[in-house]
Amino acid sequence: MWREVWRQAMQDGRRSLLWWAVGLALYTVMLLAFFPLLKGNTAIDALMKSLPESVRALAGDNLGTPAGYVGGKLLSTMPMLLTLFAVLQGSALIAGQEERGWLEFPLAQPLPRTALLLGRTVGLLTMMLALGAVLFLSILLAGQLFQAPLPAGQLLVTVALHILGAWLFGALALAIGAATGRPGLAVGIGAGLGIGLVVLQGVASQVQVLRDLAWLNPWKYALSDLPLEHAVSPTPLLVCLLLGGALVWIAARQFNSRDLRG
């Protein structure tokens, strides 16, 4: 029963997903097209190393190598972009449709609310994975084209860390929307927390308290652990995946018991 809900969620979100996928692919190609100008440029590396550590943590300090350039110039912006997509989609799947009065028809069918929530949750995860596949292939192929080849395995893990990190905040927005029926609140909390943690991770190396608590920040593993350059544990992937699901599961009880608008 939830599969029908999943198919409908994918159909409803297909245009948004398509435009985001096209935008990310074009953004990736445009940035990687500039890499040949920086490849092996020691002056650029020296300039980056002269910047404050907090700036280098976000922008990278080794832009003359494929891993340093992709990690510092391209993927450093992905947490914010992917979080925005995930949160907007997550808030729209339940709360957004409730606000428009579009939940009345599916819930008029013999469809449990739990099945509706499950189908929409799997739909969000599917959209995130699809966007991740586009990002992975764009970087891999554009890297070959513009002299910035990267190991496929490490690139896959890196993209997965970004996608599942964003999924966590999208699931949070979905859960808040399901529990309250307020899409604005869901977007505000989900995007604020997700993007705020990106900023905190950028300055964590300068603040002892943030450095000690960095292991709690999902963006640490995607940004500061340099997964394009070093092998990393798959544990953060599983934690983000399960934690996102747990947030929706916690919200399910409130969603099942409250009166829906429309």
Protein backbone atom coordinates (compact mmCIF):
# COMPACT_ATOMS: atom_id res chain seq x y z
CA MET A 1 0.00 0.00 0.00
CA TRP A 2 2.85 2.37 0.80
CA ARG A 3 4.32 1.65 -2.64
CA GLU A 4 1.44 3.49 -4.28
CA VAL A 5 2.15 6.46 -2.02
CA TRP A 6 5.83 6.25 -2.94
CA ARG A 7 5.03 6.28 -6.66
CA GLN A 8 2.77 9.29 -6.21
CA ALA A 9 5.44 11.11 -4.21
CA MET A 10 7.98 10.47 -6.96
CA GLN A 11 5.53 11.67 -9.59
CA ASP A 12 4.77 14.84 -7.63
CA GLY A 13 8.44 15.63 -7.12
CA ARG A 14 9.78 14.64 -10.53
CA ARG A 15 9.95 18.15 -11.99
CA SER A 16 11.72 19.63 -9.00
CA LEU A 17 14.12 16.68 -8.91
CA LEU A 18 14.82 17.03 -12.63
CA TRP A 19 15.65 20.74 -12.43
CA TRP A 20 17.83 20.26 -9.36
CA ALA A 21 19.66 17.39 -11.09
CA VAL A 22 20.26 19.49 -14.21
CA GLY A 23 21.42 22.42 -12.10
CA LEU A 24 23.86 20.34 -10.05
CA ALA A 25 25.26 18.70 -13.18
CA LEU A 26 25.82 22.05 -14.90
CA TYR A 27 27.33 23.56 -11.75
CA THR A 28 29.71 20.60 -11.48
CA VAL A 29 30.83 20.83 -15.10
CA MET A 30 31.33 24.60 -14.91
CA LEU A 31 33.50 24.39 -11.81
CA LEU A 32 35.59 21.47 -13.04
CA ALA A 33 36.16 23.25 -16.35
CA PHE A 34 38.40 25.71 -14.47
CA PHE A 35 40.58 23.03 -12.89
CA PRO A 36 43.16 22.84 -15.73
CA LEU A 37 44.01 26.49 -15.00
CA LEU A 38 44.87 25.64 -11.38
CA LYS A 39 46.37 22.20 -11.79
CA GLY A 40 49.85 22.15 -10.32
CA ASN A 41 49.78 25.90 -9.62
CA THR A 42 51.95 26.23 -6.51
CA ALA A 43 51.23 29.96 -6.20
CA ILE A 44 47.53 29.26 -5.62
CA ASP A 45 48.38 26.63 -3.01
CA ALA A 46 50.69 29.07 -1.22
CA LEU A 47 47.99 31.73 -1.23
CA MET A 48 45.38 29.34 0.21
CA LYS A 49 47.75 28.20 2.96
CA SER A 50 48.24 31.82 4.01
CA LEU A 51 44.52 32.19 4.78
CA PRO A 52 43.07 31.61 8.27
CA GLU A 53 42.48 27.99 9.17
CA SER A 54 38.73 28.47 9.43
CA VAL A 55 38.63 29.70 5.82
CA ARG A 56 40.82 26.84 4.62
CA ALA A 57 38.56 24.37 6.39
CA LEU A 58 35.70 25.45 4.13
CA ALA A 59 37.54 26.28 0.90
CA GLY A 60 40.42 23.81 1.03
CA ASP A 61 44.12 24.50 0.87
CA ASN A 62 45.29 22.24 -1.94
CA LEU A 63 43.38 23.40 -4.99
CA GLY A 64 46.05 22.19 -7.42
CA THR A 65 45.07 18.53 -7.01
CA PRO A 66 41.81 16.89 -8.17
CA ALA A 67 40.80 15.83 -4.66
CA GLY A 68 41.67 19.21 -3.16
CA TYR A 69 39.86 21.15 -5.88
CA VAL A 70 36.70 19.03 -5.91
CA GLY A 71 36.57 18.92 -2.13
CA GLY A 72 37.36 22.60 -1.61
CA LYS A 73 35.57 24.30 -4.49
CA LEU A 74 32.69 21.99 -5.37
CA LEU A 75 31.74 19.75 -2.48
CA SER A 76 32.24 22.45 0.16
CA THR A 77 29.02 24.06 -1.09
CA MET A 78 27.06 20.82 -1.45
CA PRO A 79 25.95 20.44 2.19
CA MET A 80 24.01 23.71 2.02
CA LEU A 81 22.55 23.05 -1.43
CA LEU A 82 21.58 19.46 -0.70
CA THR A 83 20.13 20.38 2.68
CA LEU A 84 17.99 23.04 1.05
CA PHE A 85 16.64 20.53 -1.48
CA ALA A 86 16.01 17.87 1.16
CA VAL A 87 14.27 20.24 3.57
CA LEU A 88 12.05 21.79 0.91
CA GLN A 89 11.02 18.36 -0.32
CA GLY A 90 10.57 16.95 3.17
CA SER A 91 8.40 19.82 4.35
CA ALA A 92 6.23 19.60 1.22
CA LEU A 93 5.53 15.87 1.32
CA ILE A 94 3.15 15.98 4.30
CA ALA A 95 2.80 19.48 5.77
CA GLY A 96 2.88 21.26 2.42
CA GLN A 97 0.21 19.03 0.96
CA GLU A 98 -1.87 19.29 4.12
CA GLU A 99 -1.73 23.09 3.94
CA ARG A 100 -3.04 22.95 0.38
CA GLY A 101 -5.78 20.46 1.29
CA TRP A 102 -4.26 17.71 -0.85
CA LEU A 103 -4.17 15.02 1.85
CA GLU A 104 -7.94 14.75 1.93
CA PHE A 105 -8.15 12.48 -1.12
CA PRO A 106 -5.45 9.90 -0.21
CA LEU A 107 -6.71 9.66 3.38
CA ALA A 108 -10.27 9.17 2.13
CA GLN A 109 -9.06 5.83 0.76
CA PRO A 110 -8.53 2.78 2.99
CA LEU A 111 -4.98 3.97 3.60
CA PRO A 112 -3.48 4.06 7.10
CA ARG A 113 -1.67 7.26 7.95
CA THR A 114 1.40 5.22 8.79
CA ALA A 115 1.50 3.86 5.23
CA LEU A 116 1.14 7.41 3.88
CA LEU A 117 4.03 8.63 6.02
CA LEU A 118 6.18 5.62 5.13
CA GLY A 119 5.61 6.04 1.41
CA ARG A 120 6.45 9.74 1.52
CA THR A 121 9.57 9.04 3.60
CA VAL A 122 10.84 6.43 1.16
CA GLY A 123 10.05 8.89 -1.64
CA LEU A 124 12.26 11.53 -0.03
CA LEU A 125 15.10 9.05 0.40
CA THR A 126 14.73 7.91 -3.22
CA MET A 127 14.92 11.49 -4.48
CA MET A 128 18.04 12.11 -2.42
CA LEU A 129 19.71 8.97 -3.76
CA ALA A 130 18.78 9.93 -7.33
CA LEU A 131 20.31 13.37 -6.84
CA GLY A 132 23.38 11.71 -5.38
CA ALA A 133 23.72 9.47 -8.43
CA VAL A 134 23.61 12.53 -10.70
CA LEU A 135 26.23 14.31 -8.59
CA PHE A 136 28.49 11.25 -8.52
CA LEU A 137 28.34 10.68 -12.28
CA SER A 138 28.77 14.39 -13.03
CA ILE A 139 31.94 14.63 -10.95
CA LEU A 140 33.31 11.33 -12.23
CA LEU A 141 32.75 12.09 -15.92
CA ALA A 142 33.61 15.80 -15.80
CA GLY A 143 36.73 14.92 -13.83
CA GLN A 144 37.90 12.66 -16.64
CA LEU A 145 37.12 15.36 -19.18
CA PHE A 146 38.91 18.20 -17.36
CA GLN A 147 42.04 16.42 -16.07
CA ALA A 148 40.67 15.86 -12.56
CA PRO A 149 40.26 12.08 -12.27
CA LEU A 150 39.17 10.74 -8.90
CA PRO A 151 38.97 7.17 -7.52
CA ALA A 152 35.39 6.04 -8.07
CA GLY A 153 35.18 4.26 -4.71
CA GLN A 154 36.28 7.23 -2.63
CA LEU A 155 34.12 9.59 -4.67
CA LEU A 156 31.09 7.36 -4.10
CA VAL A 157 31.63 7.35 -0.33
CA THR A 158 32.15 11.13 -0.32
CA VAL A 159 28.95 11.81 -2.25
CA ALA A 160 27.06 9.36 -0.03
CA LEU A 161 28.23 11.24 3.08
CA HIS A 162 26.86 14.47 1.63
CA ILE A 163 23.58 12.92 0.47
CA LEU A 164 22.79 11.08 3.69
CA GLY A 165 23.84 14.09 5.75
CA ALA A 166 21.28 16.17 3.85
CA TRP A 167 18.74 13.33 4.08
CA LEU A 168 18.94 13.59 7.87
CA PHE A 169 17.73 17.20 7.82
CA GLY A 170 15.17 16.48 5.13
CA ALA A 171 13.78 13.70 7.32
CA LEU A 172 13.74 16.13 10.24
CA ALA A 173 11.68 18.58 8.17
CA LEU A 174 9.35 15.78 7.12
CA ALA A 175 8.94 14.67 10.73
CA ILE A 176 8.25 18.19 12.01
CA GLY A 177 5.78 18.77 9.20
CA ALA A 178 4.00 15.50 9.90
CA ALA A 179 3.80 16.20 13.63
CA THR A 180 2.66 19.82 13.37
CA GLY A 181 1.24 20.38 9.88
CA ARG A 182 3.32 23.57 9.61
CA PRO A 183 5.61 23.57 6.55
CA GLY A 184 7.20 26.92 7.44
CA LEU A 185 8.28 25.61 10.82
CA ALA A 186 9.64 22.45 9.21
CA VAL A 187 11.70 24.41 6.68
CA GLY A 188 12.97 26.86 9.29
CA ILE A 189 14.18 24.24 11.74
CA GLY A 190 15.47 21.76 9.16
CA ALA A 191 17.36 24.29 7.03
CA GLY A 192 18.51 26.36 9.99
CA LEU A 193 19.99 23.36 11.78
CA GLY A 194 21.47 21.75 8.67
CA ILE A 195 23.12 24.89 7.32
CA GLY A 196 24.05 26.14 10.78
CA LEU A 197 25.99 22.94 11.44
CA VAL A 198 27.92 23.47 8.20
CA VAL A 199 29.05 26.86 9.49
CA LEU A 200 29.91 25.45 12.91
CA GLN A 201 31.99 22.72 11.32
CA GLY A 202 33.92 25.38 9.41
CA VAL A 203 35.00 27.09 12.64
CA ALA A 204 35.26 23.97 14.81
CA SER A 205 39.03 23.82 14.47
CA GLN A 206 39.25 27.27 16.10
CA VAL A 207 36.97 26.59 19.07
CA GLN A 208 37.88 23.91 21.60
CA VAL A 209 34.30 23.11 22.60
CA LEU A 210 33.21 22.70 18.99
CA ARG A 211 36.27 20.59 18.26
CA ASP A 212 35.44 18.27 21.16
CA LEU A 213 31.82 17.91 20.01
CA ALA A 214 32.58 17.68 16.28
CA TRP A 215 31.85 13.95 16.24
CA LEU A 216 28.16 14.82 16.74
CA ASN A 217 28.10 16.94 13.57
CA PRO A 218 27.21 14.87 10.47
CA TRP A 219 29.08 17.32 8.26
CA LYS A 220 32.38 16.56 9.99
CA TYR A 221 32.63 13.27 8.12
CA ALA A 222 31.83 14.78 4.73
CA LEU A 223 33.99 17.91 5.06
CA SER A 224 36.74 17.70 7.67
CA ASP A 225 37.63 14.00 7.37
CA LEU A 226 38.64 14.53 3.70
CA PRO A 227 37.04 11.32 2.38
CA LEU A 228 38.33 12.05 -1.13
CA GLU A 229 41.88 11.74 0.15
CA HIS A 230 41.58 9.19 2.96
CA ALA A 231 39.55 6.06 3.55
CA VAL A 232 36.77 6.68 6.07
CA SER A 233 34.48 4.46 8.09
CA PRO A 234 31.03 3.69 6.64
CA THR A 235 29.51 4.05 10.12
CA PRO A 236 28.40 7.71 9.65
CA LEU A 237 26.44 6.65 6.56
CA LEU A 238 24.46 4.08 8.51
CA VAL A 239 23.95 6.44 11.46
CA CYS A 240 22.53 9.24 9.27
CA LEU A 241 20.27 6.82 7.41
CA LEU A 242 18.86 5.26 10.57
CA LEU A 243 18.62 8.51 12.51
CA GLY A 244 16.58 10.10 9.73
CA GLY A 245 14.22 7.14 9.76
CA ALA A 246 13.98 7.30 13.56
CA LEU A 247 12.95 10.97 13.46
CA VAL A 248 10.04 10.16 11.16
CA TRP A 249 9.08 7.14 13.27
CA ILE A 250 8.95 9.33 16.39
CA ALA A 251 6.70 11.81 14.58
CA ALA A 252 4.37 9.06 13.34
CA ARG A 253 2.49 8.83 16.64
CA GLN A 254 1.62 12.53 16.62
CA PHE A 255 0.71 12.37 12.92
CA ASN A 256 -1.64 9.44 13.55
CA SER A 257 -3.45 11.12 16.43
CA ARG A 258 -3.81 14.77 15.44
CA ASP A 259 -6.59 16.38 13.39
CA LEU A 260 -5.48 17.25 9.88
CA ARG A 261 -6.41 20.45 8.11
CA GLY A 262 -8.31 20.37 4.84
